[in-house]
Amino acid sequence: MNKIALVATAALALALGACASNKSSQSASMGVVNSKCPIVPSHASTTKTVVEFKGQKVGLCCAGCIAKWNALSDADKQARLDAAK
């Protein structure tokens, strides 16, 4: 493998490994109110990692985002959720 391909492969592996899930999902159609993760907006939300906020199911991209979500104030949660729809 040449150096450019090796570097590109390593960069891709790091980008995909930044969060447990970087795949698109069927989020909003599966009962969650958002299509993007409110913690990592570049990632799609998933129905596998869901938290409840104001009676709504909020999809996160991975389990690693749960603690970050829980640490937010209600105002911050609402702002991030609004941006993730």
PDB file of N, CA and C in Angstrom:
ATOM      1  N   MET A   1       0.857  -1.173   0.000  1.00  0.00           N
ATOM      2  CA  MET A   1       0.000   0.000   0.000  1.00  0.00           C
ATOM      3  C   MET A   1       0.898   1.230   0.000  1.00  0.00           C
ATOM      4  N   ASN A   2       0.605   2.174  -0.869  1.00  0.00           N
ATOM      5  CA  ASN A   2       1.452   3.357  -0.916  1.00  0.00           C
ATOM      6  C   ASN A   2       1.135   4.280   0.263  1.00  0.00           C
ATOM      7  N   LYS A   3       1.988   5.248   0.491  1.00  0.00           N
ATOM      8  CA  LYS A   3       1.862   6.121   1.660  1.00  0.00           C
ATOM      9  C   LYS A   3       0.570   6.932   1.646  1.00  0.00           C
ATOM     10  N   ILE A   4       0.159   7.428   0.484  1.00  0.00           N
ATOM     11  CA  ILE A   4      -1.056   8.239   0.396  1.00  0.00           C
ATOM     12  C   ILE A   4      -2.280   7.405   0.766  1.00  0.00           C
ATOM     13  N   ALA A   5      -2.339   6.194   0.248  1.00  0.00           N
ATOM     14  CA  ALA A   5      -3.471   5.322   0.567  1.00  0.00           C
ATOM     15  C   ALA A   5      -3.471   4.963   2.043  1.00  0.00           C
ATOM     16  N   LEU A   6      -2.306   4.740   2.607  1.00  0.00           N
ATOM     17  CA  LEU A   6      -2.203   4.403   4.023  1.00  0.00           C
ATOM     18  C   LEU A   6      -2.669   5.569   4.895  1.00  0.00           C
ATOM     19  N   VAL A   7      -2.238   6.774   4.559  1.00  0.00           N
ATOM     20  CA  VAL A   7      -2.650   7.963   5.315  1.00  0.00           C
ATOM     21  C   VAL A   7      -4.159   8.178   5.175  1.00  0.00           C
ATOM     22  N   ALA A   8      -4.691   8.016   3.965  1.00  0.00           N
ATOM     23  CA  ALA A   8      -6.128   8.189   3.745  1.00  0.00           C
ATOM     24  C   ALA A   8      -6.926   7.160   4.527  1.00  0.00           C
ATOM     25  N   THR A   9      -6.464   5.930   4.549  1.00  0.00           N
ATOM     26  CA  THR A   9      -7.144   4.876   5.300  1.00  0.00           C
ATOM     27  C   THR A   9      -7.119   5.173   6.796  1.00  0.00           C
ATOM     28  N   ALA A  10      -5.981   5.626   7.300  1.00  0.00           N
ATOM     29  CA  ALA A  10      -5.871   5.965   8.724  1.00  0.00           C
ATOM     30  C   ALA A  10      -6.782   7.134   9.081  1.00  0.00           C
ATOM     31  N   ALA A  11      -6.835   8.160   8.222  1.00  0.00           N
ATOM     32  CA  ALA A  11      -7.694   9.316   8.486  1.00  0.00           C
ATOM     33  C   ALA A  11      -9.162   8.912   8.495  1.00  0.00           C
ATOM     34  N   LEU A  12      -9.553   8.052   7.578  1.00  0.00           N
ATOM     35  CA  LEU A  12     -10.930   7.577   7.528  1.00  0.00           C
ATOM     36  C   LEU A  12     -11.274   6.771   8.780  1.00  0.00           C
ATOM     37  N   ALA A  13     -10.376   5.920   9.204  1.00  0.00           N
ATOM     38  CA  ALA A  13     -10.607   5.124  10.412  1.00  0.00           C
ATOM     39  C   ALA A  13     -10.769   6.019  11.637  1.00  0.00           C
ATOM     40  N   LEU A  14      -9.961   7.069  11.730  1.00  0.00           N
ATOM     41  CA  LEU A  14     -10.083   7.998  12.857  1.00  0.00           C
ATOM     42  C   LEU A  14     -11.396   8.761  12.799  1.00  0.00           C
ATOM     43  N   ALA A  15     -11.788   9.201  11.623  1.00  0.00           N
ATOM     44  CA  ALA A  15     -13.041   9.950  11.484  1.00  0.00           C
ATOM     45  C   ALA A  15     -14.230   9.092  11.846  1.00  0.00           C
ATOM     46  N   LEU A  16     -14.236   7.864  11.412  1.00  0.00           N
ATOM     47  CA  LEU A  16     -15.360   6.980  11.704  1.00  0.00           C
ATOM     48  C   LEU A  16     -15.355   6.510  13.152  1.00  0.00           C
ATOM     49  N   GLY A  17     -14.205   6.483  13.753  1.00  0.00           N
ATOM     50  CA  GLY A  17     -14.107   6.032  15.136  1.00  0.00           C
ATOM     51  C   GLY A  17     -14.356   7.122  16.156  1.00  0.00           C
ATOM     52  N   ALA A  18     -14.604   8.345  15.726  1.00  0.00           N
ATOM     53  CA  ALA A  18     -14.814   9.458  16.652  1.00  0.00           C
ATOM     54  C   ALA A  18     -16.025   9.243  17.534  1.00  0.00           C
ATOM     55  N   CYS A  19     -16.978   8.532  17.054  1.00  0.00           N
ATOM     56  CA  CYS A  19     -18.166   8.201  17.813  1.00  0.00           C
ATOM     57  C   CYS A  19     -18.566   6.795  17.397  1.00  0.00           C
ATOM     58  N   ALA A  20     -19.249   6.104  18.240  1.00  0.00           N
ATOM     59  CA  ALA A  20     -19.584   4.709  17.957  1.00  0.00           C
ATOM     60  C   ALA A  20     -20.424   4.540  16.707  1.00  0.00           C
ATOM     61  N   SER A  21     -21.145   5.569  16.308  1.00  0.00           N
ATOM     62  CA  SER A  21     -21.993   5.453  15.129  1.00  0.00           C
ATOM     63  C   SER A  21     -21.887   6.707  14.280  1.00  0.00           C
ATOM     64  N   ASN A  22     -21.513   6.524  13.033  1.00  0.00           N
ATOM     65  CA  ASN A  22     -21.476   7.636  12.103  1.00  0.00           C
ATOM     66  C   ASN A  22     -22.325   7.300  10.886  1.00  0.00           C
ATOM     67  N   LYS A  23     -23.153   6.308  11.014  1.00  0.00           N
ATOM     68  CA  LYS A  23     -23.981   5.862   9.906  1.00  0.00           C
ATOM     69  C   LYS A  23     -25.292   6.617   9.906  1.00  0.00           C
ATOM     70  N   SER A  24     -25.851   6.786   8.730  1.00  0.00           N
ATOM     71  CA  SER A  24     -27.178   7.393   8.682  1.00  0.00           C
ATOM     72  C   SER A  24     -28.175   6.380   9.216  1.00  0.00           C
ATOM     73  N   SER A  25     -29.300   6.856   9.695  1.00  0.00           N
ATOM     74  CA  SER A  25     -30.290   5.954  10.265  1.00  0.00           C
ATOM     75  C   SER A  25     -31.690   6.398   9.896  1.00  0.00           C
ATOM     76  N   GLN A  26     -32.659   5.605  10.317  1.00  0.00           N
ATOM     77  CA  GLN A  26     -34.055   5.934  10.069  1.00  0.00           C
ATOM     78  C   GLN A  26     -34.600   6.608  11.315  1.00  0.00           C
ATOM     79  N   SER A  27     -34.030   7.713  11.730  1.00  0.00           N
ATOM     80  CA  SER A  27     -34.340   8.284  13.026  1.00  0.00           C
ATOM     81  C   SER A  27     -35.748   8.839  13.149  1.00  0.00           C
ATOM     82  N   ALA A  28     -36.058   9.916  12.491  1.00  0.00           N
ATOM     83  CA  ALA A  28     -37.345  10.574  12.699  1.00  0.00           C
ATOM     84  C   ALA A  28     -38.505   9.652  12.347  1.00  0.00           C
ATOM     85  N   SER A  29     -38.325   8.811  11.372  1.00  0.00           N
ATOM     86  CA  SER A  29     -39.407   7.911  10.993  1.00  0.00           C
ATOM     87  C   SER A  29     -39.598   6.783  11.993  1.00  0.00           C
ATOM     88  N   MET A  30     -38.693   6.629  12.934  1.00  0.00           N
ATOM     89  CA  MET A  30     -38.763   5.532  13.890  1.00  0.00           C
ATOM     90  C   MET A  30     -39.119   5.997  15.298  1.00  0.00           C
ATOM     91  N   GLY A  31     -39.714   7.176  15.439  1.00  0.00           N
ATOM     92  CA  GLY A  31     -40.202   7.599  16.730  1.00  0.00           C
ATOM     93  C   GLY A  31     -39.390   8.646  17.454  1.00  0.00           C
ATOM     94  N   VAL A  32     -38.217   9.002  16.958  1.00  0.00           N
ATOM     95  CA  VAL A  32     -37.479  10.092  17.583  1.00  0.00           C
ATOM     96  C   VAL A  32     -37.790  11.375  16.828  1.00  0.00           C
ATOM     97  N   VAL A  33     -37.628  12.501  17.501  1.00  0.00           N
ATOM     98  CA  VAL A  33     -38.047  13.780  16.930  1.00  0.00           C
ATOM     99  C   VAL A  33     -36.946  14.498  16.150  1.00  0.00           C
ATOM    100  N   ASN A  34     -35.754  13.943  16.122  1.00  0.00           N
ATOM    101  CA  ASN A  34     -34.637  14.599  15.455  1.00  0.00           C
ATOM    102  C   ASN A  34     -33.954  13.658  14.467  1.00  0.00           C
ATOM    103  N   SER A  35     -33.344  14.243  13.445  1.00  0.00           N
ATOM    104  CA  SER A  35     -32.636  13.433  12.455  1.00  0.00           C
ATOM    105  C   SER A  35     -31.128  13.459  12.662  1.00  0.00           C
ATOM    106  N   LYS A  36     -30.619  14.498  13.353  1.00  0.00           N
ATOM    107  CA  LYS A  36     -29.195  14.620  13.639  1.00  0.00           C
ATOM    108  C   LYS A  36     -28.977  14.487  15.138  1.00  0.00           C
ATOM    109  N   CYS A  37     -27.805  14.046  15.503  1.00  0.00           N
ATOM    110  CA  CYS A  37     -27.461  13.972  16.921  1.00  0.00           C
ATOM    111  C   CYS A  37     -27.310  15.394  17.467  1.00  0.00           C
ATOM    112  N   PRO A  38     -27.972  15.728  18.566  1.00  0.00           N
ATOM    113  CA  PRO A  38     -27.833  17.074  19.129  1.00  0.00           C
ATOM    114  C   PRO A  38     -26.471  17.331  19.781  1.00  0.00           C
ATOM    115  N   ILE A  39     -25.704  16.292  20.026  1.00  0.00           N
ATOM    116  CA  ILE A  39     -24.373  16.448  20.614  1.00  0.00           C
ATOM    117  C   ILE A  39     -23.307  16.518  19.518  1.00  0.00           C
ATOM    118  N   VAL A  40     -23.416  15.646  18.510  1.00  0.00           N
ATOM    119  CA  VAL A  40     -22.487  15.618  17.378  1.00  0.00           C
ATOM    120  C   VAL A  40     -23.326  15.806  16.113  1.00  0.00           C
ATOM    121  N   PRO A  41     -23.654  17.049  15.756  1.00  0.00           N
ATOM    122  CA  PRO A  41     -24.587  17.318  14.665  1.00  0.00           C
ATOM    123  C   PRO A  41     -24.178  16.762  13.304  1.00  0.00           C
ATOM    124  N   SER A  42     -22.919  16.454  13.120  1.00  0.00           N
ATOM    125  CA  SER A  42     -22.487  15.880  11.849  1.00  0.00           C
ATOM    126  C   SER A  42     -22.855  14.402  11.743  1.00  0.00           C
ATOM    127  N   HIS A  43     -23.349  13.820  12.834  1.00  0.00           N
ATOM    128  CA  HIS A  43     -23.758  12.416  12.847  1.00  0.00           C
ATOM    129  C   HIS A  43     -25.279  12.324  12.871  1.00  0.00           C
ATOM    130  N   ALA A  44     -25.797  11.307  12.240  1.00  0.00           N
ATOM    131  CA  ALA A  44     -27.235  11.056  12.266  1.00  0.00           C
ATOM    132  C   ALA A  44     -27.631  10.512  13.629  1.00  0.00           C
ATOM    133  N   SER A  45     -28.854  10.787  14.040  1.00  0.00           N
ATOM    134  CA  SER A  45     -29.348  10.196  15.281  1.00  0.00           C
ATOM    135  C   SER A  45     -29.701   8.738  15.007  1.00  0.00           C
ATOM    136  N   THR A  46     -29.879   7.990  16.064  1.00  0.00           N
ATOM    137  CA  THR A  46     -30.228   6.589  15.937  1.00  0.00           C
ATOM    138  C   THR A  46     -31.353   6.257  16.902  1.00  0.00           C
ATOM    139  N   THR A  47     -32.107   5.244  16.587  1.00  0.00           N
ATOM    140  CA  THR A  47     -33.159   4.814  17.501  1.00  0.00           C
ATOM    141  C   THR A  47     -32.615   3.835  18.535  1.00  0.00           C
ATOM    142  N   LYS A  48     -31.357   3.480  18.440  1.00  0.00           N
ATOM    143  CA  LYS A  48     -30.736   2.573  19.413  1.00  0.00           C
ATOM    144  C   LYS A  48     -30.301   3.300  20.677  1.00  0.00           C
ATOM    145  N   THR A  49     -30.016   4.594  20.550  1.00  0.00           N
ATOM    146  CA  THR A  49     -29.599   5.394  21.693  1.00  0.00           C
ATOM    147  C   THR A  49     -30.577   6.554  21.816  1.00  0.00           C
ATOM    148  N   VAL A  50     -31.508   6.418  22.744  1.00  0.00           N
ATOM    149  CA  VAL A  50     -32.595   7.386  22.878  1.00  0.00           C
ATOM    150  C   VAL A  50     -32.680   7.869  24.319  1.00  0.00           C
ATOM    151  N   VAL A  51     -32.885   9.166  24.475  1.00  0.00           N
ATOM    152  CA  VAL A  51     -33.163   9.764  25.785  1.00  0.00           C
ATOM    153  C   VAL A  51     -34.515  10.445  25.679  1.00  0.00           C
ATOM    154  N   GLU A  52     -35.133  10.697  26.816  1.00  0.00           N
ATOM    155  CA  GLU A  52     -36.420  11.379  26.811  1.00  0.00           C
ATOM    156  C   GLU A  52     -36.231  12.801  27.303  1.00  0.00           C
ATOM    157  N   PHE A  53     -36.872  13.731  26.607  1.00  0.00           N
ATOM    158  CA  PHE A  53     -36.797  15.142  26.973  1.00  0.00           C
ATOM    159  C   PHE A  53     -38.155  15.767  26.709  1.00  0.00           C
ATOM    160  N   LYS A  54     -38.776  16.269  27.754  1.00  0.00           N
ATOM    161  CA  LYS A  54     -40.101  16.905  27.662  1.00  0.00           C
ATOM    162  C   LYS A  54     -41.110  16.003  26.947  1.00  0.00           C
ATOM    163  N   GLY A  55     -41.077  14.735  27.297  1.00  0.00           N
ATOM    164  CA  GLY A  55     -42.032  13.780  26.738  1.00  0.00           C
ATOM    165  C   GLY A  55     -41.745  13.339  25.316  1.00  0.00           C
ATOM    166  N   GLN A  56     -40.610  13.722  24.776  1.00  0.00           N
ATOM    167  CA  GLN A  56     -40.232  13.364  23.411  1.00  0.00           C
ATOM    168  C   GLN A  56     -39.039  12.420  23.437  1.00  0.00           C
ATOM    169  N   LYS A  57     -38.960  11.550  22.448  1.00  0.00           N
ATOM    170  CA  LYS A  57     -37.799  10.691  22.294  1.00  0.00           C
ATOM    171  C   LYS A  57     -36.772  11.424  21.442  1.00  0.00           C
ATOM    172  N   VAL A  58     -35.571  11.568  21.993  1.00  0.00           N
ATOM    173  CA  VAL A  58     -34.483  12.250  21.309  1.00  0.00           C
ATOM    174  C   VAL A  58     -33.423  11.205  20.973  1.00  0.00           C
ATOM    175  N   GLY A  59     -33.111  11.070  19.696  1.00  0.00           N
ATOM    176  CA  GLY A  59     -32.100  10.119  19.265  1.00  0.00           C
ATOM    177  C   GLY A  59     -30.714  10.733  19.324  1.00  0.00           C
ATOM    178  N   LEU A  60     -29.768   9.974  19.852  1.00  0.00           N
ATOM    179  CA  LEU A  60     -28.369  10.371  19.875  1.00  0.00           C
ATOM    180  C   LEU A  60     -27.608   9.434  18.937  1.00  0.00           C
ATOM    181  N   CYS A  61     -26.398   9.787  18.558  1.00  0.00           N
ATOM    182  CA  CYS A  61     -25.664   8.947  17.619  1.00  0.00           C
ATOM    183  C   CYS A  61     -25.020   7.739  18.291  1.00  0.00           C
ATOM    184  N   CYS A  62     -24.722   7.842  19.576  1.00  0.00           N
ATOM    185  CA  CYS A  62     -24.066   6.727  20.268  1.00  0.00           C
ATOM    186  C   CYS A  62     -24.228   6.881  21.783  1.00  0.00           C
ATOM    187  N   ALA A  63     -23.925   5.824  22.496  1.00  0.00           N
ATOM    188  CA  ALA A  63     -24.050   5.833  23.954  1.00  0.00           C
ATOM    189  C   ALA A  63     -23.113   6.846  24.608  1.00  0.00           C
ATOM    190  N   GLY A  64     -22.022   7.163  23.947  1.00  0.00           N
ATOM    191  CA  GLY A  64     -21.082   8.146  24.481  1.00  0.00           C
ATOM    192  C   GLY A  64     -21.673   9.539  24.621  1.00  0.00           C
ATOM    193  N   CYS A  65     -22.745   9.808  23.901  1.00  0.00           N
ATOM    194  CA  CYS A  65     -23.364  11.136  23.953  1.00  0.00           C
ATOM    195  C   CYS A  65     -24.361  11.290  25.104  1.00  0.00           C
ATOM    196  N   ILE A  66     -24.742  10.206  25.744  1.00  0.00           N
ATOM    197  CA  ILE A  66     -25.750  10.273  26.804  1.00  0.00           C
ATOM    198  C   ILE A  66     -25.282  11.163  27.962  1.00  0.00           C
ATOM    199  N   ALA A  67     -24.083  10.947  28.451  1.00  0.00           N
ATOM    200  CA  ALA A  67     -23.579  11.741  29.583  1.00  0.00           C
ATOM    201  C   ALA A  67     -23.450  13.218  29.200  1.00  0.00           C
ATOM    202  N   LYS A  68     -23.036  13.479  27.973  1.00  0.00           N
ATOM    203  CA  LYS A  68     -22.912  14.866  27.522  1.00  0.00           C
ATOM    204  C   LYS A  68     -24.287  15.522  27.453  1.00  0.00           C
ATOM    205  N   TRP A  69     -25.288  14.778  26.972  1.00  0.00           N
ATOM    206  CA  TRP A  69     -26.665  15.290  26.920  1.00  0.00           C
ATOM    207  C   TRP A  69     -27.173  15.573  28.333  1.00  0.00           C
ATOM    208  N   ASN A  70     -26.970  14.625  29.227  1.00  0.00           N
ATOM    209  CA  ASN A  70     -27.461  14.768  30.602  1.00  0.00           C
ATOM    210  C   ASN A  70     -26.813  15.939  31.338  1.00  0.00           C
ATOM    211  N   ALA A  71     -25.625  16.332  30.941  1.00  0.00           N
ATOM    212  CA  ALA A  71     -24.915  17.431  31.594  1.00  0.00           C
ATOM    213  C   ALA A  71     -25.429  18.812  31.146  1.00  0.00           C
ATOM    214  N   LEU A  72     -26.213  18.852  30.064  1.00  0.00           N
ATOM    215  CA  LEU A  72     -26.718  20.127  29.550  1.00  0.00           C
ATOM    216  C   LEU A  72     -27.899  20.632  30.376  1.00  0.00           C
ATOM    217  N   SER A  73     -28.063  21.937  30.406  1.00  0.00           N
ATOM    218  CA  SER A  73     -29.256  22.525  31.029  1.00  0.00           C
ATOM    219  C   SER A  73     -30.445  22.276  30.102  1.00  0.00           C
ATOM    220  N   ASP A  74     -31.660  22.427  30.606  1.00  0.00           N
ATOM    221  CA  ASP A  74     -32.841  22.251  29.767  1.00  0.00           C
ATOM    222  C   ASP A  74     -32.846  23.237  28.596  1.00  0.00           C
ATOM    223  N   ALA A  75     -32.396  24.457  28.833  1.00  0.00           N
ATOM    224  CA  ALA A  75     -32.352  25.452  27.757  1.00  0.00           C
ATOM    225  C   ALA A  75     -31.368  25.028  26.663  1.00  0.00           C
ATOM    226  N   ASP A  76     -30.202  24.511  27.074  1.00  0.00           N
ATOM    227  CA  ASP A  76     -29.212  24.045  26.100  1.00  0.00           C
ATOM    228  C   ASP A  76     -29.722  22.817  25.348  1.00  0.00           C
ATOM    229  N   LYS A  77     -30.384  21.916  26.065  1.00  0.00           N
ATOM    230  CA  LYS A  77     -30.959  20.738  25.406  1.00  0.00           C
ATOM    231  C   LYS A  77     -31.959  21.156  24.341  1.00  0.00           C
ATOM    232  N   GLN A  78     -32.822  22.108  24.684  1.00  0.00           N
ATOM    233  CA  GLN A  78     -33.835  22.552  23.725  1.00  0.00           C
ATOM    234  C   GLN A  78     -33.191  23.213  22.506  1.00  0.00           C
ATOM    235  N   ALA A  79     -32.189  24.032  22.725  1.00  0.00           N
ATOM    236  CA  ALA A  79     -31.505  24.702  21.610  1.00  0.00           C
ATOM    237  C   ALA A  79     -30.840  23.695  20.696  1.00  0.00           C
ATOM    238  N   ARG A  80     -30.172  22.711  21.282  1.00  0.00           N
ATOM    239  CA  ARG A  80     -29.496  21.688  20.467  1.00  0.00           C
ATOM    240  C   ARG A  80     -30.506  20.803  19.741  1.00  0.00           C
ATOM    241  N   LEU A  81     -31.605  20.490  20.409  1.00  0.00           N
ATOM    242  CA  LEU A  81     -32.644  19.671  19.776  1.00  0.00           C
ATOM    243  C   LEU A  81     -33.268  20.427  18.612  1.00  0.00           C
ATOM    244  N   ASP A  82     -33.546  21.706  18.794  1.00  0.00           N
ATOM    245  CA  ASP A  82     -34.113  22.524  17.710  1.00  0.00           C
ATOM    246  C   ASP A  82     -33.191  22.538  16.497  1.00  0.00           C
ATOM    247  N   ALA A  83     -31.897  22.604  16.728  1.00  0.00           N
ATOM    248  CA  ALA A  83     -30.914  22.632  15.636  1.00  0.00           C
ATOM    249  C   ALA A  83     -30.730  21.259  14.983  1.00  0.00           C
ATOM    250  N   ALA A  84     -31.116  20.193  15.682  1.00  0.00           N
ATOM    251  CA  ALA A  84     -30.877  18.822  15.193  1.00  0.00           C
ATOM    252  C   ALA A  84     -32.059  18.232  14.451  1.00  0.00           C
ATOM    253  N   LYS A  85     -33.122  18.974  14.271  1.00  0.00           N
ATOM    254  CA  LYS A  85     -34.325  18.418  13.621  1.00  0.00           C
ATOM    255  C   LYS A  85     -34.198  18.397  12.134  1.00  0.00           C
TER     256      LYS A  85
END
